[in-house]
Structure formats: C-alpha cells, structure tokens
Amino acid sequence: VHAVLASWEVYAGPRDETVMSTHPDATLDNFPRDMQWGQGLQLIEDMSDEGDSPVPFKVEAGEWLILVTRFSSDGVSVQFQLERS
C-alpha cells in the first residue's frame, strides 16, 4: 500500500440531481475546485516494522486492515494510518 486517497461528494436537490465532488475524475478539467477542495493524500508506511523509516506497508491478498483516521481539534487537518487487524 503506497497511500490513502480521500475524496468527498455532496448531493443536493429534491432527487439528489446536483452533485459536487472532489473525486479525481470529477476535477480533471476544474482547476479551481481541484486547488480549493482537492483530494486528501496521505503516504503510508508500516509503523509496526522496527528499523529505519520509512518502511513500505506490504500486504497479502485477503489480509484485513484497519484505517485509523485522526482529525485536528480545529477540523482543518486529517491524518491516516494503516494497521493490521
């Protein structure tokens, strides 16, 4: 696992027909939205592996993982970390 990519979308209207999204494919030709409300990207390393950092987070097919998410008290920053279950 190299990274976690976070995006969001919001629906509006009586039948949710209006959508605002930060998915990578939705912002391809929308530079202002990409700059203002872009995706969140967190590089991932294996924190359980002792030694020199960073250490790649290697997984096996079918292995269960836990995504730990931390938010700053002011709600401005978010941090992701992967752990093995």
C-alpha atoms as a PDB file:
ATOM      1  CA  VAL A   1       0.000   0.000   0.000  1.00  0.00           C
ATOM      2  CA  HIS A   2       1.510   3.314  -1.063  1.00  0.00           C
ATOM      3  CA  ALA A   3      -1.077   5.867   0.026  1.00  0.00           C
ATOM      4  CA  VAL A   4      -4.630   6.679   1.108  1.00  0.00           C
ATOM      5  CA  LEU A   5      -6.624   8.999  -1.136  1.00  0.00           C
ATOM      6  CA  ALA A   6      -9.694  10.657   0.380  1.00  0.00           C
ATOM      7  CA  SER A   7     -12.382  12.488  -1.566  1.00  0.00           C
ATOM      8  CA  TRP A   8     -15.972  13.503  -0.949  1.00  0.00           C
ATOM      9  CA  GLU A   9     -19.197  14.261  -2.734  1.00  0.00           C
ATOM     10  CA  VAL A  10     -22.305  16.218  -1.746  1.00  0.00           C
ATOM     11  CA  TYR A  11     -25.788  15.809  -3.224  1.00  0.00           C
ATOM     12  CA  ALA A  12     -28.483  18.495  -3.401  1.00  0.00           C
ATOM     13  CA  GLY A  13     -31.939  18.948  -4.855  1.00  0.00           C
ATOM     14  CA  PRO A  14     -35.215  17.096  -4.363  1.00  0.00           C
ATOM     15  CA  ARG A  15     -33.847  13.967  -6.054  1.00  0.00           C
ATOM     16  CA  ASP A  16     -30.121  14.485  -5.407  1.00  0.00           C
ATOM     17  CA  GLU A  17     -29.691  15.554  -9.042  1.00  0.00           C
ATOM     18  CA  THR A  18     -26.984  18.135  -8.242  1.00  0.00           C
ATOM     19  CA  VAL A  19     -23.609  16.727  -7.222  1.00  0.00           C
ATOM     20  CA  MET A  20     -20.397  18.441  -6.121  1.00  0.00           C
ATOM     21  CA  SER A  21     -17.446  16.076  -5.890  1.00  0.00           C
ATOM     22  CA  THR A  22     -13.699  16.045  -5.302  1.00  0.00           C
ATOM     23  CA  HIS A  23     -13.153  12.620  -6.883  1.00  0.00           C
ATOM     24  CA  PRO A  24     -10.083  12.733  -9.141  1.00  0.00           C
ATOM     25  CA  ASP A  25     -12.112  12.105 -12.304  1.00  0.00           C
ATOM     26  CA  ALA A  26     -14.618  14.848 -11.368  1.00  0.00           C
ATOM     27  CA  THR A  27     -11.927  17.530 -11.062  1.00  0.00           C
ATOM     28  CA  LEU A  28      -9.896  16.734 -14.190  1.00  0.00           C
ATOM     29  CA  ASP A  29     -10.904  19.923 -16.006  1.00  0.00           C
ATOM     30  CA  ASN A  30     -11.801  22.035 -12.978  1.00  0.00           C
ATOM     31  CA  PHE A  31      -8.563  23.619 -11.743  1.00  0.00           C
ATOM     32  CA  PRO A  32     -10.194  25.994  -9.188  1.00  0.00           C
ATOM     33  CA  ARG A  33     -12.080  23.152  -7.477  1.00  0.00           C
ATOM     34  CA  ASP A  34      -9.018  20.913  -7.539  1.00  0.00           C
ATOM     35  CA  MET A  35      -6.941  23.639  -5.855  1.00  0.00           C
ATOM     36  CA  GLN A  36      -9.557  24.717  -3.305  1.00  0.00           C
ATOM     37  CA  TRP A  37     -11.258  21.419  -2.472  1.00  0.00           C
ATOM     38  CA  GLY A  38      -8.855  18.822  -3.778  1.00  0.00           C
ATOM     39  CA  GLN A  39      -8.324  15.314  -2.540  1.00  0.00           C
ATOM     40  CA  GLY A  40      -6.574  14.379   0.680  1.00  0.00           C
ATOM     41  CA  LEU A  41      -3.465  12.257   0.114  1.00  0.00           C
ATOM     42  CA  GLN A  42      -1.519  10.519   2.899  1.00  0.00           C
ATOM     43  CA  LEU A  43       1.563   8.439   2.110  1.00  0.00           C
ATOM     44  CA  ILE A  44       1.540   5.210   4.117  1.00  0.00           C
ATOM     45  CA  GLU A  45       4.405   3.417   5.828  1.00  0.00           C
ATOM     46  CA  ASP A  46       4.490   0.351   8.075  1.00  0.00           C
ATOM     47  CA  MET A  47       4.768   1.821  11.574  1.00  0.00           C
ATOM     48  CA  SER A  48       4.878  -1.635  13.186  1.00  0.00           C
ATOM     49  CA  ASP A  49       8.133  -2.561  11.429  1.00  0.00           C
ATOM     50  CA  GLU A  50      11.092  -1.505  13.562  1.00  0.00           C
ATOM     51  CA  GLY A  51      14.144  -0.099  11.868  1.00  0.00           C
ATOM     52  CA  ASP A  52      14.952   2.717   9.549  1.00  0.00           C
ATOM     53  CA  SER A  53      11.892   4.589   8.322  1.00  0.00           C
ATOM     54  CA  PRO A  54      10.062   4.767   6.052  1.00  0.00           C
ATOM     55  CA  VAL A  55       9.207   1.084   5.623  1.00  0.00           C
ATOM     56  CA  PRO A  56       6.791   0.025   2.852  1.00  0.00           C
ATOM     57  CA  PHE A  57       3.420  -1.312   4.041  1.00  0.00           C
ATOM     58  CA  LYS A  58       3.275  -4.739   2.376  1.00  0.00           C
ATOM     59  CA  VAL A  59       0.043  -6.755   2.426  1.00  0.00           C
ATOM     60  CA  GLU A  60      -1.129 -10.170   1.316  1.00  0.00           C
ATOM     61  CA  ALA A  61      -4.291 -10.778  -0.706  1.00  0.00           C
ATOM     62  CA  GLY A  62      -7.261 -11.107   1.651  1.00  0.00           C
ATOM     63  CA  GLU A  63      -5.479  -9.521   4.620  1.00  0.00           C
ATOM     64  CA  TRP A  64      -7.733  -7.343   6.797  1.00  0.00           C
ATOM     65  CA  LEU A  65      -6.538  -3.820   7.617  1.00  0.00           C
ATOM     66  CA  ILE A  66      -7.712  -1.076   9.969  1.00  0.00           C
ATOM     67  CA  LEU A  67      -7.755   2.501   8.708  1.00  0.00           C
ATOM     68  CA  VAL A  68      -7.078   4.872  11.625  1.00  0.00           C
ATOM     69  CA  THR A  69      -8.230   8.451  10.989  1.00  0.00           C
ATOM     70  CA  ARG A  70      -7.217  11.396  13.157  1.00  0.00           C
ATOM     71  CA  PHE A  71      -8.630  14.916  12.908  1.00  0.00           C
ATOM     72  CA  SER A  72      -7.038  18.053  14.340  1.00  0.00           C
ATOM     73  CA  SER A  73      -9.046  19.797  17.058  1.00  0.00           C
ATOM     74  CA  ASP A  74      -9.813  22.681  14.688  1.00  0.00           C
ATOM     75  CA  GLY A  75     -11.020  20.296  11.962  1.00  0.00           C
ATOM     76  CA  VAL A  76      -8.527  21.601   9.407  1.00  0.00           C
ATOM     77  CA  SER A  77      -6.147  18.625   9.187  1.00  0.00           C
ATOM     78  CA  VAL A  78      -6.700  14.906   8.826  1.00  0.00           C
ATOM     79  CA  GLN A  79      -4.164  12.075   9.138  1.00  0.00           C
ATOM     80  CA  PHE A  80      -4.464   8.426   8.069  1.00  0.00           C
ATOM     81  CA  GLN A  81      -2.572   5.381   9.296  1.00  0.00           C
ATOM     82  CA  LEU A  82      -2.973   1.713   8.378  1.00  0.00           C
ATOM     83  CA  GLU A  83      -2.751  -1.060  10.957  1.00  0.00           C
ATOM     84  CA  ARG A  84      -3.093  -4.798  10.689  1.00  0.00           C
ATOM     85  CA  SER A  85      -6.171  -6.275  12.316  1.00  0.00           C
END
